[in-house]
C-alpha atoms as a PDB file:
ATOM      1  CA  MET A   1       3.457 -17.552 -69.682  1.00  0.00           C
ATOM      2  CA  SER A   2      -0.120 -18.857 -70.027  1.00  0.00           C
ATOM      3  CA  GLY A   3      -2.263 -19.960 -67.135  1.00  0.00           C
ATOM      4  CA  CYS A   4      -0.266 -19.081 -64.230  1.00  0.00           C
ATOM      5  CA  CYS A   5      -2.389 -17.343 -61.532  1.00  0.00           C
ATOM      6  CA  LEU A   6       0.472 -14.913 -60.686  1.00  0.00           C
ATOM      7  CA  TYR A   7       0.097 -13.325 -64.088  1.00  0.00           C
ATOM      8  CA  CYS A   8      -3.890 -13.888 -64.521  1.00  0.00           C
ATOM      9  CA  ILE A   9      -6.242 -10.971 -64.637  1.00  0.00           C
ATOM     10  CA  HIS A  10      -8.782 -13.016 -62.848  1.00  0.00           C
ATOM     11  CA  ALA A  11      -6.793 -14.104 -59.839  1.00  0.00           C
ATOM     12  CA  GLN A  12      -7.749 -11.992 -56.676  1.00  0.00           C
ATOM     13  CA  ALA A  13      -6.907 -12.403 -52.995  1.00  0.00           C
ATOM     14  CA  PHE A  14     -10.434 -12.928 -51.785  1.00  0.00           C
ATOM     15  CA  TRP A  15     -13.350 -15.184 -52.178  1.00  0.00           C
ATOM     16  CA  ILE A  16     -17.141 -14.903 -52.391  1.00  0.00           C
ATOM     17  CA  GLY A  17     -19.119 -16.691 -49.742  1.00  0.00           C
ATOM     18  CA  GLN A  18     -22.466 -18.137 -49.815  1.00  0.00           C
ATOM     19  CA  ASP A  19     -23.827 -14.909 -48.501  1.00  0.00           C
ATOM     20  CA  GLY A  20     -22.666 -13.344 -51.965  1.00  0.00           C
ATOM     21  CA  LYS A  21     -20.033 -11.158 -49.885  1.00  0.00           C
ATOM     22  CA  LYS A  22     -16.438 -10.840 -50.511  1.00  0.00           C
ATOM     23  CA  HIS A  23     -14.229 -12.367 -47.620  1.00  0.00           C
ATOM     24  CA  LEU A  24     -10.586 -11.711 -47.303  1.00  0.00           C
ATOM     25  CA  PRO A  25      -8.305 -14.269 -45.462  1.00  0.00           C
ATOM     26  CA  PRO A  26      -6.493 -13.407 -42.208  1.00  0.00           C
ATOM     27  CA  LYS A  27      -3.127 -11.832 -43.081  1.00  0.00           C
ATOM     28  CA  THR A  28      -1.430 -14.584 -41.268  1.00  0.00           C
ATOM     29  CA  SER A  29      -2.811 -17.076 -43.735  1.00  0.00           C
ATOM     30  CA  PHE A  30      -1.059 -15.744 -46.746  1.00  0.00           C
ATOM     31  CA  GLY A  31       1.713 -17.833 -46.205  1.00  0.00           C
ATOM     32  CA  ASP A  32      -0.225 -20.788 -47.970  1.00  0.00           C
ATOM     33  CA  MET A  33       0.133 -19.088 -51.204  1.00  0.00           C
ATOM     34  CA  ASN A  34      -3.457 -19.361 -52.464  1.00  0.00           C
ATOM     35  CA  ILE A  35      -5.486 -16.833 -54.495  1.00  0.00           C
ATOM     36  CA  TYR A  36      -8.926 -17.254 -55.855  1.00  0.00           C
ATOM     37  CA  CYS A  37      -9.966 -17.318 -59.510  1.00  0.00           C
ATOM     38  CA  HIS A  38     -12.558 -14.677 -60.286  1.00  0.00           C
ATOM     39  CA  HIS A  39     -13.393 -15.909 -63.973  1.00  0.00           C
ATOM     40  CA  SER A  40     -17.192 -16.284 -64.239  1.00  0.00           C
ATOM     41  CA  LYS A  41     -16.975 -19.540 -66.076  1.00  0.00           C
ATOM     42  CA  LYS A  42     -14.195 -20.941 -64.186  1.00  0.00           C
ATOM     43  CA  GLY A  43     -14.038 -20.174 -60.501  1.00  0.00           C
ATOM     44  CA  ALA A  44     -16.644 -17.750 -59.852  1.00  0.00           C
ATOM     45  CA  GLY A  45     -14.677 -16.472 -56.964  1.00  0.00           C
ATOM     46  CA  ILE A  46     -14.949 -19.496 -54.785  1.00  0.00           C
ATOM     47  CA  GLU A  47     -12.226 -21.736 -56.227  1.00  0.00           C
ATOM     48  CA  CYS A  48      -8.719 -21.479 -54.556  1.00  0.00           C
ATOM     49  CA  TYR A  49      -5.463 -22.253 -56.579  1.00  0.00           C
ATOM     50  CA  PRO A  50      -1.938 -22.063 -55.803  1.00  0.00           C
ATOM     51  CA  ILE A  51      -0.256 -19.118 -57.521  1.00  0.00           C
ATOM     52  CA  SER A  52       1.709 -21.595 -59.741  1.00  0.00           C
ATOM     53  CA  PHE A  53      -1.763 -23.282 -61.036  1.00  0.00           C
ATOM     54  CA  THR A  54      -1.295 -23.727 -64.775  1.00  0.00           C
ATOM     55  CA  ARG A  55      -4.177 -26.006 -66.095  1.00  0.00           C
ATOM     56  CA  CYS A  56      -6.248 -22.913 -66.935  1.00  0.00           C
ATOM     57  CA  SER A  57      -7.829 -22.313 -70.549  1.00  0.00           C
ATOM     58  CA  VAL A  58      -9.311 -18.891 -69.492  1.00  0.00           C
ATOM     59  CA  PHE A  59      -6.204 -17.231 -68.821  1.00  0.00           C
ATOM     60  CA  GLU A  60      -5.772 -13.527 -69.422  1.00  0.00           C
ATOM     61  CA  ARG A  61      -2.603 -11.529 -68.910  1.00  0.00           C
ATOM     62  CA  ASP A  62      -2.820  -8.912 -65.873  1.00  0.00           C
ATOM     63  CA  THR A  63      -1.221  -5.603 -65.920  1.00  0.00           C
ATOM     64  CA  ASP A  64       2.588  -5.452 -65.457  1.00  0.00           C
ATOM     65  CA  GLU A  65       2.013  -3.325 -62.330  1.00  0.00           C
ATOM     66  CA  ARG A  66      -0.269  -5.890 -60.696  1.00  0.00           C
ATOM     67  CA  ILE A  67       1.922  -8.734 -61.677  1.00  0.00           C
ATOM     68  CA  GLU A  68       4.943  -6.962 -60.053  1.00  0.00           C
ATOM     69  CA  ARG A  69       2.682  -6.138 -56.959  1.00  0.00           C
ATOM     70  CA  ARG A  70       1.915  -9.842 -56.552  1.00  0.00           C
ATOM     71  CA  ARG A  71       5.473 -10.895 -56.959  1.00  0.00           C
ATOM     72  CA  ALA A  72       6.633  -8.415 -54.336  1.00  0.00           C
ATOM     73  CA  PHE A  73       4.051  -9.596 -51.950  1.00  0.00           C
ATOM     74  CA  PHE A  74       4.367 -13.426 -52.086  1.00  0.00           C
ATOM     75  CA  SER A  75       7.985 -13.206 -52.348  1.00  0.00           C
ATOM     76  CA  GLN A  76       7.947 -12.708 -48.835  1.00  0.00           C
ATOM     77  CA  PHE A  77       6.926 -16.046 -47.844  1.00  0.00           C
ATOM     78  CA  ASP A  78       9.147 -19.010 -47.755  1.00  0.00           C
ATOM     79  CA  ARG A  79       7.040 -21.398 -50.469  1.00  0.00           C
ATOM     80  CA  TYR A  80       7.426 -18.464 -53.255  1.00  0.00           C
ATOM     81  CA  ARG A  81      10.684 -19.772 -54.377  1.00  0.00           C
ATOM     82  CA  VAL A  82       9.373 -23.195 -55.060  1.00  0.00           C
ATOM     83  CA  HIS A  83       6.218 -21.944 -56.920  1.00  0.00           C
ATOM     84  CA  ALA A  84       8.572 -19.435 -59.053  1.00  0.00           C
ATOM     85  CA  GLU A  85      10.553 -22.487 -60.020  1.00  0.00           C
ATOM     86  CA  LEU A  86       7.299 -24.376 -61.078  1.00  0.00           C
ATOM     87  CA  ILE A  87       6.131 -21.073 -62.841  1.00  0.00           C
ATOM     88  CA  ALA A  88       9.569 -20.864 -64.832  1.00  0.00           C
ATOM     89  CA  GLN A  89       9.267 -24.548 -65.808  1.00  0.00           C
ATOM     90  CA  ARG A  90       6.246 -23.672 -67.820  1.00  0.00           C
ATOM     91  CA  ARG A  91       7.580 -20.707 -69.708  1.00  0.00           C
END
């Protein structure tokens, strides 16, 4: 599974603002299924991608524990099934 943000070590749920500080979206906004790329040469903490984003050449696999925590978290939202199908098509 290369290139999927759900599995990527660089994906995080916060972004870095112009002030250089870490910003977290309101808890009610997680339904949009977006996470931020923190790879220094790609997203640098400011690019927001859907979890099924796969056009990435800097993918590195995250730990199984973090992947499972992301699955458990995102699966509570309606759009997760659609993203899971997109991810499965890229295996």
